Amino acid sequence: MHTRLLGAPVFVAGGLDDPHGTCPFPYTRTDTPEELAKAIQGIEAIIYHWLPGWATDVIKASGIPAIEYIHRIDTADGDRSVPRLTIAHSQHLVDYIHLVN
């Protein structure tokens, strides 16, 4: 969605690779903090979802404004001090996440 509608680049921080080319959008893979830090240089804002801790640390250190998109509570265990805004499909989910974290 971000690539098609906003023309925004997508970076994947670690996790599963896509050896069969089934991902429906183009992305740049980063597997280390240094790779991600270099990739996000010049980015004005970041929207992220379920990042590994090292990637969240890179975003925090960069000072780039960030928005976290949360689908479920089991993918919402990141550092709450990083995103300036948390969005989800329901306000109840956002309220719950900020209550327990």
N, C-alpha and C. Protein backbone atom coordinates (compact mmCIF):
# COMPACT_ATOMS: atom_id res chain seq x y z
N MET A 1 0.82 -1.18 0.00
CA MET A 1 0.00 0.00 0.00
C MET A 1 0.87 1.25 0.00
N HIS A 2 1.88 1.30 0.87
CA HIS A 2 2.72 2.49 0.96
C HIS A 2 3.48 2.74 -0.33
N THR A 3 3.93 1.67 -0.95
CA THR A 3 4.66 1.81 -2.21
C THR A 3 3.74 2.30 -3.31
N ARG A 4 2.57 1.68 -3.43
CA ARG A 4 1.64 2.04 -4.51
C ARG A 4 1.01 3.41 -4.33
N LEU A 5 0.49 3.68 -3.14
CA LEU A 5 -0.27 4.91 -2.93
C LEU A 5 0.60 6.12 -2.58
N LEU A 6 1.69 5.89 -1.88
CA LEU A 6 2.52 7.01 -1.42
C LEU A 6 3.85 7.11 -2.15
N GLY A 7 4.19 6.10 -2.92
CA GLY A 7 5.50 6.08 -3.56
C GLY A 7 6.62 5.94 -2.55
N ALA A 8 6.31 5.38 -1.39
CA ALA A 8 7.28 5.27 -0.31
C ALA A 8 8.11 4.00 -0.44
N PRO A 9 9.40 4.09 -0.13
CA PRO A 9 10.22 2.88 -0.14
C PRO A 9 9.87 2.00 1.05
N VAL A 10 10.03 0.70 0.90
CA VAL A 10 9.78 -0.25 1.98
C VAL A 10 11.11 -0.92 2.31
N PHE A 11 11.42 -0.97 3.61
CA PHE A 11 12.62 -1.65 4.08
C PHE A 11 12.18 -2.78 4.99
N VAL A 12 12.74 -3.95 4.79
CA VAL A 12 12.47 -5.10 5.64
C VAL A 12 13.70 -5.30 6.52
N ALA A 13 13.49 -5.30 7.83
CA ALA A 13 14.59 -5.42 8.78
C ALA A 13 14.66 -6.85 9.31
N GLY A 14 15.55 -7.64 8.72
CA GLY A 14 15.70 -9.03 9.15
C GLY A 14 14.46 -9.84 8.82
N GLY A 15 14.22 -10.87 9.60
CA GLY A 15 13.05 -11.71 9.40
C GLY A 15 13.18 -12.63 8.21
N LEU A 16 12.04 -13.11 7.74
CA LEU A 16 12.02 -14.06 6.64
C LEU A 16 12.43 -13.39 5.33
N ASP A 17 13.20 -14.12 4.56
CA ASP A 17 13.55 -13.64 3.23
C ASP A 17 12.45 -14.11 2.28
N ASP A 18 12.46 -13.66 1.06
CA ASP A 18 11.44 -14.03 0.07
C ASP A 18 12.11 -14.73 -1.10
N PRO A 19 12.61 -15.97 -0.87
CA PRO A 19 13.39 -16.65 -1.92
C PRO A 19 12.59 -16.98 -3.17
N HIS A 20 11.27 -17.04 -3.06
CA HIS A 20 10.44 -17.42 -4.21
C HIS A 20 9.84 -16.21 -4.92
N GLY A 21 10.13 -15.01 -4.44
CA GLY A 21 9.64 -13.80 -5.09
C GLY A 21 8.14 -13.62 -5.00
N THR A 22 7.53 -14.05 -3.89
CA THR A 22 6.07 -13.97 -3.77
C THR A 22 5.59 -12.68 -3.11
N CYS A 23 6.49 -11.84 -2.63
CA CYS A 23 6.09 -10.59 -1.98
C CYS A 23 5.42 -9.69 -3.03
N PRO A 24 4.26 -9.12 -2.72
CA PRO A 24 3.53 -8.32 -3.72
C PRO A 24 4.05 -6.90 -3.92
N PHE A 25 5.12 -6.52 -3.24
CA PHE A 25 5.67 -5.18 -3.39
C PHE A 25 7.19 -5.24 -3.34
N PRO A 26 7.84 -4.26 -3.98
CA PRO A 26 9.30 -4.23 -3.92
C PRO A 26 9.78 -3.72 -2.56
N TYR A 27 10.90 -4.24 -2.09
CA TYR A 27 11.46 -3.78 -0.83
C TYR A 27 12.97 -3.91 -0.84
N THR A 28 13.59 -3.20 0.08
CA THR A 28 15.03 -3.32 0.31
C THR A 28 15.21 -4.03 1.62
N ARG A 29 15.97 -5.10 1.61
CA ARG A 29 16.21 -5.88 2.82
C ARG A 29 17.42 -5.33 3.56
N THR A 30 17.30 -5.19 4.88
CA THR A 30 18.42 -4.79 5.73
C THR A 30 18.54 -5.81 6.84
N ASP A 31 19.74 -6.29 7.06
CA ASP A 31 19.95 -7.34 8.06
C ASP A 31 20.80 -6.91 9.24
N THR A 32 21.27 -5.68 9.23
CA THR A 32 22.09 -5.18 10.34
C THR A 32 21.67 -3.76 10.68
N PRO A 33 21.98 -3.32 11.89
CA PRO A 33 21.67 -1.94 12.24
C PRO A 33 22.34 -0.93 11.30
N GLU A 34 23.55 -1.23 10.88
CA GLU A 34 24.27 -0.32 9.99
C GLU A 34 23.58 -0.20 8.63
N GLU A 35 23.12 -1.32 8.09
CA GLU A 35 22.41 -1.30 6.80
C GLU A 35 21.12 -0.49 6.90
N LEU A 36 20.37 -0.69 7.98
CA LEU A 36 19.11 0.04 8.14
C LEU A 36 19.37 1.54 8.33
N ALA A 37 20.35 1.88 9.16
CA ALA A 37 20.67 3.29 9.39
C ALA A 37 21.03 3.99 8.08
N LYS A 38 21.79 3.32 7.25
CA LYS A 38 22.17 3.90 5.96
C LYS A 38 20.94 4.02 5.04
N ALA A 39 20.08 3.01 5.06
CA ALA A 39 18.90 2.98 4.18
C ALA A 39 17.91 4.10 4.51
N ILE A 40 17.78 4.46 5.78
CA ILE A 40 16.76 5.45 6.15
C ILE A 40 17.29 6.89 6.17
N GLN A 41 18.55 7.07 5.84
CA GLN A 41 19.07 8.44 5.75
C GLN A 41 18.26 9.22 4.72
N GLY A 42 17.83 10.40 5.10
CA GLY A 42 17.07 11.25 4.18
C GLY A 42 15.58 10.99 4.17
N ILE A 43 15.12 9.99 4.91
CA ILE A 43 13.69 9.70 5.01
C ILE A 43 13.05 10.73 5.95
N GLU A 44 11.88 11.24 5.60
CA GLU A 44 11.22 12.27 6.41
C GLU A 44 10.40 11.71 7.56
N ALA A 45 9.83 10.53 7.37
CA ALA A 45 9.01 9.90 8.41
C ALA A 45 8.99 8.40 8.14
N ILE A 46 8.74 7.64 9.20
CA ILE A 46 8.74 6.18 9.08
C ILE A 46 7.43 5.64 9.64
N ILE A 47 6.82 4.73 8.90
CA ILE A 47 5.70 3.94 9.39
C ILE A 47 6.23 2.53 9.51
N TYR A 48 6.08 1.94 10.69
CA TYR A 48 6.63 0.59 10.85
C TYR A 48 5.66 -0.34 11.57
N HIS A 49 5.94 -1.63 11.42
CA HIS A 49 5.13 -2.67 12.03
C HIS A 49 6.03 -3.81 12.47
N TRP A 50 5.96 -4.19 13.71
CA TRP A 50 6.56 -5.40 14.29
C TRP A 50 8.03 -5.56 13.93
N LEU A 51 8.82 -4.59 14.34
CA LEU A 51 10.25 -4.62 14.06
C LEU A 51 11.02 -5.37 15.13
N PRO A 52 12.16 -5.94 14.76
CA PRO A 52 13.05 -6.49 15.79
C PRO A 52 13.61 -5.33 16.61
N GLY A 53 14.01 -5.62 17.83
CA GLY A 53 14.51 -4.57 18.73
C GLY A 53 15.63 -3.74 18.15
N TRP A 54 16.55 -4.38 17.43
CA TRP A 54 17.68 -3.62 16.88
C TRP A 54 17.21 -2.57 15.87
N ALA A 55 16.16 -2.89 15.11
CA ALA A 55 15.65 -1.94 14.12
C ALA A 55 14.93 -0.77 14.80
N THR A 56 14.20 -1.06 15.86
CA THR A 56 13.55 0.00 16.62
C THR A 56 14.60 0.93 17.22
N ASP A 57 15.69 0.35 17.71
CA ASP A 57 16.78 1.16 18.27
C ASP A 57 17.37 2.10 17.21
N VAL A 58 17.51 1.61 15.98
CA VAL A 58 18.04 2.44 14.89
C VAL A 58 17.11 3.61 14.62
N ILE A 59 15.81 3.34 14.56
CA ILE A 59 14.84 4.41 14.31
C ILE A 59 14.88 5.44 15.43
N LYS A 60 14.93 4.95 16.67
CA LYS A 60 14.99 5.86 17.82
C LYS A 60 16.23 6.75 17.73
N ALA A 61 17.38 6.15 17.45
CA ALA A 61 18.64 6.91 17.37
C ALA A 61 18.64 7.90 16.20
N SER A 62 17.88 7.59 15.15
CA SER A 62 17.87 8.47 13.97
C SER A 62 17.15 9.79 14.22
N GLY A 63 16.20 9.78 15.15
CA GLY A 63 15.40 10.97 15.40
C GLY A 63 14.32 11.23 14.36
N ILE A 64 14.17 10.32 13.41
CA ILE A 64 13.14 10.47 12.38
C ILE A 64 11.77 10.20 13.02
N PRO A 65 10.78 11.08 12.79
CA PRO A 65 9.45 10.83 13.34
C PRO A 65 8.91 9.47 12.86
N ALA A 66 8.32 8.72 13.79
CA ALA A 66 7.86 7.37 13.45
C ALA A 66 6.43 7.14 13.92
N ILE A 67 5.74 6.33 13.15
CA ILE A 67 4.38 5.89 13.46
C ILE A 67 4.41 4.37 13.47
N GLU A 68 3.88 3.78 14.53
CA GLU A 68 3.80 2.32 14.59
C GLU A 68 2.39 1.87 14.24
N TYR A 69 2.29 0.94 13.30
CA TYR A 69 1.00 0.36 12.95
C TYR A 69 0.90 -1.00 13.63
N ILE A 70 -0.14 -1.19 14.41
CA ILE A 70 -0.30 -2.42 15.18
C ILE A 70 -1.54 -3.16 14.69
N HIS A 71 -1.34 -4.44 14.37
CA HIS A 71 -2.45 -5.30 13.95
C HIS A 71 -3.04 -6.08 15.12
N ARG A 72 -2.15 -6.57 16.00
CA ARG A 72 -2.57 -7.44 17.11
C ARG A 72 -1.70 -7.15 18.33
N ILE A 73 -2.19 -7.52 19.50
CA ILE A 73 -1.41 -7.25 20.71
C ILE A 73 -0.13 -8.08 20.77
N ASP A 74 -0.10 -9.24 20.13
CA ASP A 74 1.12 -10.06 20.19
C ASP A 74 2.21 -9.56 19.25
N THR A 75 1.95 -8.51 18.48
CA THR A 75 2.99 -7.89 17.65
C THR A 75 3.25 -6.46 18.12
N ALA A 76 2.87 -6.16 19.35
CA ALA A 76 2.96 -4.79 19.85
C ALA A 76 3.87 -4.68 21.07
N ASP A 77 4.94 -5.47 21.09
CA ASP A 77 5.80 -5.50 22.26
C ASP A 77 7.04 -4.62 22.12
N GLY A 78 7.02 -3.68 21.20
CA GLY A 78 8.18 -2.82 20.96
C GLY A 78 8.30 -1.69 21.98
N ASP A 79 9.36 -0.93 21.85
CA ASP A 79 9.65 0.20 22.72
C ASP A 79 8.61 1.30 22.47
N ARG A 80 7.77 1.57 23.45
CA ARG A 80 6.69 2.55 23.31
C ARG A 80 7.21 3.99 23.21
N SER A 81 8.49 4.21 23.52
CA SER A 81 9.02 5.58 23.44
C SER A 81 9.45 5.96 22.03
N VAL A 82 9.44 5.01 21.09
CA VAL A 82 9.90 5.29 19.73
C VAL A 82 8.83 5.96 18.87
N PRO A 83 7.64 5.38 18.75
CA PRO A 83 6.66 6.03 17.86
C PRO A 83 6.07 7.29 18.48
N ARG A 84 5.88 8.30 17.64
CA ARG A 84 5.18 9.50 18.09
C ARG A 84 3.67 9.27 18.06
N LEU A 85 3.27 8.28 17.29
CA LEU A 85 1.85 7.96 17.12
C LEU A 85 1.72 6.46 16.94
N THR A 86 0.67 5.90 17.51
CA THR A 86 0.36 4.48 17.32
C THR A 86 -0.99 4.41 16.63
N ILE A 87 -1.06 3.65 15.55
CA ILE A 87 -2.34 3.49 14.86
C ILE A 87 -2.70 2.02 14.79
N ALA A 88 -3.98 1.74 14.75
CA ALA A 88 -4.49 0.38 14.69
C ALA A 88 -5.89 0.44 14.09
N HIS A 89 -6.49 -0.72 13.95
CA HIS A 89 -7.84 -0.77 13.39
C HIS A 89 -8.90 -0.37 14.40
N SER A 90 -8.50 -0.25 15.68
CA SER A 90 -9.49 0.18 16.67
C SER A 90 -8.82 0.98 17.78
N GLN A 91 -9.51 1.96 18.30
CA GLN A 91 -9.00 2.75 19.42
C GLN A 91 -8.85 1.87 20.66
N HIS A 92 -9.72 0.88 20.82
CA HIS A 92 -9.64 -0.04 21.95
C HIS A 92 -8.28 -0.73 21.98
N LEU A 93 -7.80 -1.18 20.83
CA LEU A 93 -6.49 -1.85 20.75
C LEU A 93 -5.37 -0.88 21.13
N VAL A 94 -5.40 0.32 20.63
CA VAL A 94 -4.37 1.32 20.97
C VAL A 94 -4.40 1.61 22.47
N ASP A 95 -5.58 1.82 23.04
CA ASP A 95 -5.70 2.10 24.47
C ASP A 95 -5.16 0.94 25.29
N TYR A 96 -5.48 -0.29 24.92
CA TYR A 96 -5.01 -1.47 25.65
C TYR A 96 -3.49 -1.57 25.61
N ILE A 97 -2.91 -1.36 24.45
CA ILE A 97 -1.45 -1.47 24.30
C ILE A 97 -0.75 -0.45 25.18
N HIS A 98 -1.25 0.77 25.22
CA HIS A 98 -0.62 1.80 26.04
C HIS A 98 -0.88 1.57 27.52
N LEU A 99 -1.93 0.87 27.87
CA LEU A 99 -2.23 0.55 29.25
C LEU A 99 -1.27 -0.51 29.79
N VAL A 100 -0.99 -1.55 29.00
CA VAL A 100 -0.17 -2.67 29.48
C VAL A 100 1.32 -2.48 29.21
N ASN A 101 1.68 -1.55 28.37
CA ASN A 101 3.12 -1.35 28.07
C ASN A 101 3.61 -0.12 28.74
